[in-house]
Amino acid sequence: MHLRERAAHLPKPGRGKPPAPARSRITGLIDVRVGDLVPHPLNWRVHTDEQRAALDAAIERVGFADAPKVYRNGDGQLMILDGHLRVEQMDDDAVIPVQMLDVDDEEARFLIASYDGINALANGHPELTQQLLDSVVMDDESAVEKIRGGIWITENMFTNRPYVIGRKT
């Protein structure tokens, strides 16, 4: 059975829906010199050497395939909301696409606090995850292990323990 077919059979819990269509805060995808981007001072994520290696392996394999999210802060700087590590791994003179958001400083702090925390609330489906990982072909086995580790399957994903931003409860 293909991944999509298997996913269609997963239980779908009731979903709360916004009362009206959510307004888009995305104003565009723009090319920006990496050196012109400023890390948000409240970015709470600490990036490990293993994560850096996994990201390097992914960028080497596929290329730069996910645009960091930025906004223009009250001082007019292009401040990074999401994608700090992707930006850190690039040369200052490189030009990369970024997703520009129209948010204020308070909304930006909320987004930084919520991005990874919301993702951490998801549970993984062990069989689908294993099928996905088994379908990824890489020449370098250490790269595969770095990516596997990045998905944190064996230790965290299937424990169904709740996560709070920045720490496991």
N, C-alpha and C. Protein backbone atom coordinates (compact mmCIF):
# COMPACT_ATOMS: atom_id res chain seq x y z
N MET A 1 0.85 -1.17 0.00
CA MET A 1 0.00 0.00 0.00
C MET A 1 0.90 1.24 0.00
N HIS A 2 0.59 2.22 -0.82
CA HIS A 2 1.37 3.44 -0.90
C HIS A 2 1.14 4.33 0.31
N LEU A 3 2.09 5.23 0.56
CA LEU A 3 2.00 6.13 1.72
C LEU A 3 0.68 6.90 1.77
N ARG A 4 0.27 7.44 0.64
CA ARG A 4 -0.95 8.24 0.60
C ARG A 4 -2.17 7.40 0.95
N GLU A 5 -2.22 6.18 0.43
CA GLU A 5 -3.34 5.29 0.74
C GLU A 5 -3.36 4.93 2.22
N ARG A 6 -2.17 4.67 2.79
CA ARG A 6 -2.09 4.32 4.21
C ARG A 6 -2.50 5.50 5.07
N ALA A 7 -2.05 6.68 4.70
CA ALA A 7 -2.39 7.87 5.48
C ALA A 7 -3.90 8.13 5.46
N ALA A 8 -4.56 7.77 4.36
CA ALA A 8 -6.00 7.99 4.26
C ALA A 8 -6.76 7.13 5.25
N HIS A 9 -6.16 6.04 5.71
CA HIS A 9 -6.82 5.14 6.65
C HIS A 9 -6.58 5.50 8.11
N LEU A 10 -5.76 6.51 8.36
CA LEU A 10 -5.50 6.90 9.74
C LEU A 10 -6.73 7.58 10.32
N PRO A 11 -6.98 7.42 11.61
CA PRO A 11 -8.14 8.09 12.21
C PRO A 11 -7.99 9.60 12.13
N LYS A 12 -9.10 10.26 11.88
CA LYS A 12 -9.11 11.72 11.79
C LYS A 12 -9.93 12.28 12.95
N PRO A 13 -9.23 12.79 13.97
CA PRO A 13 -9.97 13.35 15.10
C PRO A 13 -10.69 14.62 14.67
N GLY A 14 -11.69 15.01 15.47
CA GLY A 14 -12.41 16.25 15.18
C GLY A 14 -11.45 17.41 15.13
N ARG A 15 -11.66 18.30 14.20
CA ARG A 15 -10.76 19.44 14.04
C ARG A 15 -11.52 20.72 14.29
N GLY A 16 -10.93 21.57 15.09
CA GLY A 16 -11.49 22.90 15.25
C GLY A 16 -11.14 23.72 14.03
N LYS A 17 -12.06 24.44 13.51
CA LYS A 17 -11.81 25.27 12.33
C LYS A 17 -12.01 26.73 12.71
N PRO A 18 -11.20 27.61 12.12
CA PRO A 18 -11.42 29.02 12.40
C PRO A 18 -12.80 29.45 11.91
N PRO A 19 -13.43 30.40 12.57
CA PRO A 19 -14.78 30.81 12.19
C PRO A 19 -14.86 31.41 10.80
N ALA A 20 -13.76 31.97 10.31
CA ALA A 20 -13.74 32.56 8.98
C ALA A 20 -12.40 32.22 8.35
N PRO A 21 -12.30 32.36 7.03
CA PRO A 21 -11.00 32.08 6.42
C PRO A 21 -9.90 32.93 7.07
N ALA A 22 -8.80 32.30 7.41
CA ALA A 22 -7.68 33.02 8.02
C ALA A 22 -7.05 33.93 6.98
N ARG A 23 -6.69 35.12 7.41
CA ARG A 23 -6.05 36.05 6.48
C ARG A 23 -4.60 35.64 6.29
N SER A 24 -4.13 35.77 5.10
CA SER A 24 -2.74 35.43 4.80
C SER A 24 -1.85 36.57 5.24
N ARG A 25 -0.81 36.25 5.96
CA ARG A 25 0.18 37.25 6.40
C ARG A 25 1.43 37.16 5.54
N ILE A 26 1.40 36.28 4.53
CA ILE A 26 2.53 36.11 3.63
C ILE A 26 2.41 37.16 2.53
N THR A 27 3.43 38.00 2.43
CA THR A 27 3.38 39.05 1.41
C THR A 27 4.17 38.70 0.16
N GLY A 28 5.02 37.68 0.26
CA GLY A 28 5.74 37.27 -0.93
C GLY A 28 6.97 36.46 -0.63
N LEU A 29 7.57 35.99 -1.69
CA LEU A 29 8.83 35.28 -1.63
C LEU A 29 9.84 36.19 -2.31
N ILE A 30 10.85 36.61 -1.56
CA ILE A 30 11.82 37.56 -2.11
C ILE A 30 13.23 36.99 -1.95
N ASP A 31 14.13 37.41 -2.83
CA ASP A 31 15.52 37.01 -2.73
C ASP A 31 16.27 38.05 -1.90
N VAL A 32 17.04 37.55 -0.93
CA VAL A 32 17.73 38.42 0.01
C VAL A 32 19.16 37.91 0.21
N ARG A 33 20.09 38.83 0.36
CA ARG A 33 21.46 38.47 0.72
C ARG A 33 21.45 37.99 2.17
N VAL A 34 22.06 36.84 2.44
CA VAL A 34 22.07 36.24 3.77
C VAL A 34 22.60 37.22 4.81
N GLY A 35 23.64 37.96 4.49
CA GLY A 35 24.22 38.91 5.43
C GLY A 35 23.29 40.04 5.83
N ASP A 36 22.18 40.22 5.09
CA ASP A 36 21.21 41.27 5.43
C ASP A 36 20.12 40.77 6.37
N LEU A 37 20.14 39.49 6.72
CA LEU A 37 19.14 38.92 7.62
C LEU A 37 19.66 38.94 9.05
N VAL A 38 18.78 39.25 9.98
CA VAL A 38 19.16 39.36 11.39
C VAL A 38 18.47 38.26 12.18
N PRO A 39 19.23 37.45 12.94
CA PRO A 39 18.60 36.43 13.78
C PRO A 39 17.73 37.10 14.85
N HIS A 40 16.57 36.56 15.09
CA HIS A 40 15.72 37.13 16.14
C HIS A 40 16.39 36.88 17.49
N PRO A 41 16.48 37.90 18.34
CA PRO A 41 17.18 37.74 19.62
C PRO A 41 16.48 36.76 20.57
N LEU A 42 15.22 36.46 20.34
CA LEU A 42 14.50 35.53 21.22
C LEU A 42 14.35 34.14 20.60
N ASN A 43 15.12 33.86 19.56
CA ASN A 43 15.09 32.51 19.00
C ASN A 43 15.60 31.56 20.07
N TRP A 44 14.75 30.68 20.54
CA TRP A 44 15.07 29.84 21.69
C TRP A 44 15.70 28.51 21.32
N ARG A 45 15.79 28.21 20.04
CA ARG A 45 16.34 26.93 19.63
C ARG A 45 17.87 26.96 19.67
N VAL A 46 18.45 25.88 20.17
CA VAL A 46 19.89 25.69 20.18
C VAL A 46 20.18 24.56 19.21
N HIS A 47 20.99 24.83 18.22
CA HIS A 47 21.25 23.86 17.16
C HIS A 47 22.51 23.05 17.47
N THR A 48 22.35 21.74 17.40
CA THR A 48 23.45 20.83 17.71
C THR A 48 24.30 20.57 16.47
N ASP A 49 25.49 20.02 16.71
CA ASP A 49 26.35 19.64 15.59
C ASP A 49 25.67 18.58 14.73
N GLU A 50 24.93 17.66 15.37
CA GLU A 50 24.22 16.62 14.62
C GLU A 50 23.16 17.24 13.72
N GLN A 51 22.46 18.25 14.22
CA GLN A 51 21.44 18.90 13.40
C GLN A 51 22.09 19.64 12.23
N ARG A 52 23.20 20.29 12.50
CA ARG A 52 23.91 20.99 11.42
C ARG A 52 24.35 20.00 10.34
N ALA A 53 24.87 18.85 10.77
CA ALA A 53 25.32 17.83 9.82
C ALA A 53 24.15 17.29 9.01
N ALA A 54 23.00 17.07 9.67
CA ALA A 54 21.82 16.57 8.97
C ALA A 54 21.33 17.60 7.95
N LEU A 55 21.32 18.86 8.32
CA LEU A 55 20.90 19.90 7.39
C LEU A 55 21.87 19.99 6.22
N ASP A 56 23.17 19.94 6.51
CA ASP A 56 24.16 19.96 5.42
C ASP A 56 23.93 18.81 4.45
N ALA A 57 23.65 17.61 4.99
CA ALA A 57 23.40 16.45 4.14
C ALA A 57 22.16 16.66 3.28
N ALA A 58 21.12 17.24 3.86
CA ALA A 58 19.89 17.49 3.10
C ALA A 58 20.12 18.53 2.01
N ILE A 59 20.83 19.60 2.35
CA ILE A 59 21.10 20.65 1.35
C ILE A 59 21.99 20.11 0.25
N GLU A 60 22.97 19.28 0.61
CA GLU A 60 23.85 18.69 -0.40
C GLU A 60 23.05 17.78 -1.33
N ARG A 61 22.11 17.06 -0.78
CA ARG A 61 21.32 16.09 -1.57
C ARG A 61 20.30 16.78 -2.46
N VAL A 62 19.53 17.71 -1.91
CA VAL A 62 18.40 18.28 -2.64
C VAL A 62 18.63 19.73 -3.04
N GLY A 63 19.40 20.44 -2.26
CA GLY A 63 19.58 21.87 -2.48
C GLY A 63 18.78 22.64 -1.43
N PHE A 64 18.74 23.92 -1.59
CA PHE A 64 18.03 24.79 -0.67
C PHE A 64 16.55 24.74 -1.05
N ALA A 65 15.72 24.05 -0.24
CA ALA A 65 14.35 23.75 -0.66
C ALA A 65 13.29 24.25 0.30
N ASP A 66 13.66 25.07 1.27
CA ASP A 66 12.67 25.59 2.22
C ASP A 66 13.08 27.01 2.58
N ALA A 67 12.22 27.96 2.28
CA ALA A 67 12.55 29.37 2.52
C ALA A 67 12.36 29.74 3.98
N PRO A 68 13.37 30.37 4.58
CA PRO A 68 13.19 30.90 5.94
C PRO A 68 12.07 31.95 5.94
N LYS A 69 11.44 32.09 7.09
CA LYS A 69 10.38 33.10 7.25
C LYS A 69 10.99 34.33 7.93
N VAL A 70 10.70 35.50 7.38
CA VAL A 70 11.24 36.75 7.92
C VAL A 70 10.14 37.81 7.98
N TYR A 71 10.41 38.85 8.74
CA TYR A 71 9.53 40.02 8.75
C TYR A 71 10.41 41.25 8.94
N ARG A 72 9.86 42.41 8.65
CA ARG A 72 10.59 43.66 8.87
C ARG A 72 10.20 44.18 10.25
N ASN A 73 11.17 44.23 11.16
CA ASN A 73 10.87 44.64 12.53
C ASN A 73 10.67 46.15 12.62
N GLY A 74 10.40 46.63 13.83
CA GLY A 74 10.13 48.05 14.04
C GLY A 74 11.28 48.96 13.65
N ASP A 75 12.50 48.41 13.60
CA ASP A 75 13.68 49.18 13.19
C ASP A 75 13.97 49.05 11.70
N GLY A 76 13.11 48.31 10.98
CA GLY A 76 13.29 48.14 9.54
C GLY A 76 14.22 47.00 9.14
N GLN A 77 14.71 46.24 10.11
CA GLN A 77 15.60 45.11 9.81
C GLN A 77 14.79 43.91 9.34
N LEU A 78 15.40 43.10 8.47
CA LEU A 78 14.78 41.84 8.07
C LEU A 78 15.16 40.80 9.13
N MET A 79 14.20 40.48 9.99
CA MET A 79 14.41 39.62 11.16
C MET A 79 13.93 38.21 10.83
N ILE A 80 14.74 37.22 11.17
CA ILE A 80 14.40 35.82 10.93
C ILE A 80 13.41 35.33 11.99
N LEU A 81 12.32 34.73 11.54
CA LEU A 81 11.35 34.11 12.44
C LEU A 81 11.53 32.60 12.49
N ASP A 82 11.82 32.01 11.36
CA ASP A 82 11.97 30.56 11.27
C ASP A 82 13.00 30.28 10.18
N GLY A 83 13.92 29.37 10.48
CA GLY A 83 14.95 29.03 9.51
C GLY A 83 16.32 29.57 9.89
N HIS A 84 16.50 29.85 11.18
CA HIS A 84 17.77 30.39 11.65
C HIS A 84 18.95 29.52 11.23
N LEU A 85 18.83 28.21 11.41
CA LEU A 85 19.96 27.33 11.08
C LEU A 85 20.24 27.33 9.59
N ARG A 86 19.20 27.31 8.76
CA ARG A 86 19.41 27.34 7.31
C ARG A 86 20.20 28.59 6.93
N VAL A 87 19.86 29.71 7.56
CA VAL A 87 20.56 30.96 7.27
C VAL A 87 21.99 30.89 7.79
N GLU A 88 22.18 30.38 9.01
CA GLU A 88 23.53 30.28 9.59
C GLU A 88 24.46 29.44 8.73
N GLN A 89 23.93 28.43 8.07
CA GLN A 89 24.76 27.51 7.30
C GLN A 89 25.20 28.10 5.95
N MET A 90 24.62 29.23 5.57
CA MET A 90 24.92 29.81 4.27
C MET A 90 25.96 30.93 4.40
N ASP A 91 26.69 31.17 3.33
CA ASP A 91 27.66 32.26 3.28
C ASP A 91 26.92 33.60 3.29
N ASP A 92 27.48 34.59 3.96
CA ASP A 92 26.83 35.91 4.06
C ASP A 92 26.52 36.54 2.71
N ASP A 93 27.32 36.23 1.69
CA ASP A 93 27.08 36.84 0.37
C ASP A 93 26.12 36.04 -0.50
N ALA A 94 25.70 34.88 -0.02
CA ALA A 94 24.74 34.08 -0.79
C ALA A 94 23.40 34.80 -0.82
N VAL A 95 22.68 34.65 -1.89
CA VAL A 95 21.33 35.21 -2.02
C VAL A 95 20.36 34.03 -1.99
N ILE A 96 19.40 34.11 -1.07
CA ILE A 96 18.44 33.02 -0.88
C ILE A 96 17.02 33.57 -0.91
N PRO A 97 16.05 32.71 -1.24
CA PRO A 97 14.66 33.14 -1.16
C PRO A 97 14.21 33.09 0.31
N VAL A 98 13.44 34.08 0.70
CA VAL A 98 12.83 34.10 2.03
C VAL A 98 11.35 34.40 1.88
N GLN A 99 10.56 33.85 2.79
CA GLN A 99 9.12 34.11 2.81
C GLN A 99 8.90 35.33 3.70
N MET A 100 8.39 36.41 3.11
CA MET A 100 8.17 37.66 3.83
C MET A 100 6.78 37.65 4.47
N LEU A 101 6.73 37.93 5.77
CA LEU A 101 5.47 37.99 6.50
C LEU A 101 5.18 39.41 6.94
N ASP A 102 3.91 39.75 6.94
CA ASP A 102 3.46 41.07 7.41
C ASP A 102 2.94 40.91 8.83
N VAL A 103 3.87 40.94 9.81
CA VAL A 103 3.50 40.82 11.21
C VAL A 103 4.24 41.92 11.98
N ASP A 104 3.71 42.24 13.16
CA ASP A 104 4.41 43.20 14.01
C ASP A 104 5.32 42.45 14.99
N ASP A 105 6.05 43.20 15.82
CA ASP A 105 7.01 42.57 16.73
C ASP A 105 6.35 41.61 17.71
N GLU A 106 5.17 41.94 18.21
CA GLU A 106 4.48 41.07 19.17
C GLU A 106 4.03 39.78 18.49
N GLU A 107 3.48 39.90 17.29
CA GLU A 107 3.06 38.70 16.55
C GLU A 107 4.27 37.84 16.19
N ALA A 108 5.38 38.48 15.91
CA ALA A 108 6.61 37.75 15.60
C ALA A 108 7.05 36.92 16.80
N ARG A 109 7.00 37.49 17.99
CA ARG A 109 7.38 36.74 19.19
C ARG A 109 6.46 35.54 19.39
N PHE A 110 5.16 35.73 19.15
CA PHE A 110 4.22 34.62 19.25
C PHE A 110 4.58 33.51 18.26
N LEU A 111 4.88 33.88 17.02
CA LEU A 111 5.22 32.88 16.01
C LEU A 111 6.48 32.11 16.40
N ILE A 112 7.50 32.81 16.87
CA ILE A 112 8.73 32.13 17.28
C ILE A 112 8.45 31.15 18.41
N ALA A 113 7.62 31.56 19.35
CA ALA A 113 7.30 30.69 20.49
C ALA A 113 6.47 29.49 20.07
N SER A 114 5.70 29.61 19.00
CA SER A 114 4.75 28.55 18.66
C SER A 114 5.21 27.61 17.55
N TYR A 115 6.07 28.02 16.63
CA TYR A 115 6.42 27.18 15.48
C TYR A 115 6.83 25.77 15.89
N ASP A 116 7.91 25.61 16.59
CA ASP A 116 8.40 24.29 16.93
C ASP A 116 7.53 23.61 17.97
N GLY A 117 6.94 24.39 18.87
CA GLY A 117 6.06 23.81 19.88
C GLY A 117 4.84 23.14 19.27
N ILE A 118 4.25 23.75 18.28
CA ILE A 118 3.09 23.16 17.60
C ILE A 118 3.53 21.90 16.86
N ASN A 119 4.66 21.95 16.18
CA ASN A 119 5.16 20.75 15.48
C ASN A 119 5.42 19.61 16.45
N ALA A 120 5.91 19.92 17.63
CA ALA A 120 6.24 18.88 18.61
C ALA A 120 5.00 18.18 19.16
N LEU A 121 3.83 18.79 19.00
CA LEU A 121 2.60 18.17 19.48
C LEU A 121 2.13 17.02 18.60
N ALA A 122 2.68 16.93 17.40
CA ALA A 122 2.28 15.86 16.47
C ALA A 122 2.86 14.53 16.92
N ASN A 123 2.10 13.48 16.68
CA ASN A 123 2.59 12.12 16.89
C ASN A 123 2.99 11.55 15.55
N GLY A 124 3.85 10.57 15.58
CA GLY A 124 4.27 9.91 14.35
C GLY A 124 3.55 8.59 14.17
N HIS A 125 3.43 8.18 12.94
CA HIS A 125 2.88 6.87 12.61
C HIS A 125 4.07 5.97 12.29
N PRO A 126 4.39 5.02 13.18
CA PRO A 126 5.63 4.25 13.05
C PRO A 126 5.81 3.56 11.71
N GLU A 127 4.79 2.89 11.21
CA GLU A 127 4.95 2.14 9.97
C GLU A 127 5.15 3.07 8.78
N LEU A 128 4.38 4.16 8.72
CA LEU A 128 4.54 5.10 7.61
C LEU A 128 5.90 5.77 7.66
N THR A 129 6.35 6.12 8.86
CA THR A 129 7.65 6.75 8.99
C THR A 129 8.75 5.80 8.54
N GLN A 130 8.67 4.56 8.96
CA GLN A 130 9.67 3.58 8.55
C GLN A 130 9.64 3.37 7.05
N GLN A 131 8.42 3.30 6.47
CA GLN A 131 8.30 3.13 5.02
C GLN A 131 8.90 4.32 4.30
N LEU A 132 8.66 5.51 4.79
CA LEU A 132 9.23 6.71 4.18
C LEU A 132 10.75 6.66 4.25
N LEU A 133 11.29 6.39 5.42
CA LEU A 133 12.74 6.36 5.56
C LEU A 133 13.37 5.27 4.72
N ASP A 134 12.71 4.12 4.63
CA ASP A 134 13.23 3.03 3.81
C ASP A 134 13.22 3.39 2.33
N SER A 135 12.35 4.31 1.93
CA SER A 135 12.25 4.68 0.52
C SER A 135 13.24 5.76 0.13
N VAL A 136 13.92 6.37 1.11
CA VAL A 136 14.90 7.41 0.81
C VAL A 136 16.23 6.74 0.47
N VAL A 137 16.72 7.00 -0.73
CA VAL A 137 17.97 6.40 -1.19
C VAL A 137 19.08 7.42 -1.09
N MET A 138 20.12 7.06 -0.36
CA MET A 138 21.30 7.92 -0.27
C MET A 138 22.54 7.05 -0.41
N ASP A 139 23.54 7.61 -1.05
CA ASP A 139 24.81 6.89 -1.22
C ASP A 139 25.57 6.81 0.09
N ASP A 140 25.44 7.82 0.91
CA ASP A 140 26.22 7.92 2.14
C ASP A 140 25.36 7.46 3.32
N GLU A 141 25.67 6.31 3.88
CA GLU A 141 24.87 5.77 4.99
C GLU A 141 24.89 6.68 6.20
N SER A 142 26.01 7.41 6.41
CA SER A 142 26.05 8.31 7.57
C SER A 142 25.04 9.45 7.38
N ALA A 143 24.83 9.87 6.13
CA ALA A 143 23.82 10.90 5.87
C ALA A 143 22.43 10.38 6.20
N VAL A 144 22.16 9.13 5.85
CA VAL A 144 20.86 8.53 6.17
C VAL A 144 20.65 8.53 7.68
N GLU A 145 21.67 8.14 8.41
CA GLU A 145 21.54 8.11 9.87
C GLU A 145 21.35 9.51 10.45
N LYS A 146 22.00 10.51 9.87
CA LYS A 146 21.81 11.89 10.33
C LYS A 146 20.37 12.32 10.12
N ILE A 147 19.81 11.98 8.95
CA ILE A 147 18.43 12.34 8.67
C ILE A 147 17.49 11.57 9.60
N ARG A 148 17.74 10.28 9.77
CA ARG A 148 16.93 9.48 10.71
C ARG A 148 16.97 10.11 12.09
N GLY A 149 18.15 10.45 12.55
CA GLY A 149 18.28 11.08 13.87
C GLY A 149 17.53 12.39 13.94
N GLY A 150 17.52 13.12 12.83
CA GLY A 150 16.79 14.38 12.79
C GLY A 150 15.29 14.20 12.94
N ILE A 151 14.80 13.06 12.53
CA ILE A 151 13.37 12.80 12.68
C ILE A 151 13.07 12.30 14.09
N TRP A 152 14.11 12.01 14.86
CA TRP A 152 14.05 11.53 16.25
C TRP A 152 13.02 10.45 16.47
N ILE A 153 13.07 9.44 15.60
CA ILE A 153 12.09 8.37 15.66
C ILE A 153 12.22 7.51 16.89
N THR A 154 13.36 6.90 17.07
CA THR A 154 13.46 5.84 18.07
C THR A 154 13.29 6.32 19.49
N GLU A 155 13.73 7.52 19.78
CA GLU A 155 13.71 7.95 21.18
C GLU A 155 12.47 8.75 21.57
N ASN A 156 11.94 9.57 20.67
CA ASN A 156 10.93 10.51 21.09
C ASN A 156 9.59 10.43 20.38
N MET A 157 9.61 10.13 19.10
CA MET A 157 8.42 10.35 18.30
C MET A 157 7.24 9.47 18.68
N PHE A 158 7.49 8.27 19.13
CA PHE A 158 6.39 7.35 19.37
C PHE A 158 6.10 7.12 20.85
N THR A 159 6.62 7.99 21.69
CA THR A 159 6.39 7.82 23.12
C THR A 159 5.07 8.42 23.55
N ASN A 160 4.48 9.27 22.71
CA ASN A 160 3.23 9.96 23.02
C ASN A 160 3.31 10.78 24.30
N ARG A 161 4.52 11.22 24.64
CA ARG A 161 4.69 12.11 25.78
C ARG A 161 4.46 13.54 25.30
N PRO A 162 3.76 14.34 26.07
CA PRO A 162 3.55 15.72 25.63
C PRO A 162 4.85 16.52 25.70
N TYR A 163 4.97 17.48 24.82
CA TYR A 163 6.13 18.35 24.80
C TYR A 163 5.68 19.76 25.07
N VAL A 164 6.50 20.47 25.77
CA VAL A 164 6.30 21.89 25.99
C VAL A 164 7.44 22.56 25.26
N ILE A 165 7.22 23.76 24.77
CA ILE A 165 8.26 24.43 24.03
C ILE A 165 9.57 24.38 24.80
N GLY A 166 10.59 23.80 24.17
CA GLY A 166 11.92 23.79 24.74
C GLY A 166 12.20 22.65 25.72
N ARG A 167 11.21 21.94 26.19
CA ARG A 167 11.51 20.85 27.13
C ARG A 167 10.43 19.79 27.07
N LYS A 168 10.82 18.56 27.40
CA LYS A 168 9.90 17.44 27.43
C LYS A 168 9.29 17.38 28.82
N THR A 169 7.98 17.12 28.91
CA THR A 169 7.36 17.02 30.22
C THR A 169 7.14 15.57 30.62
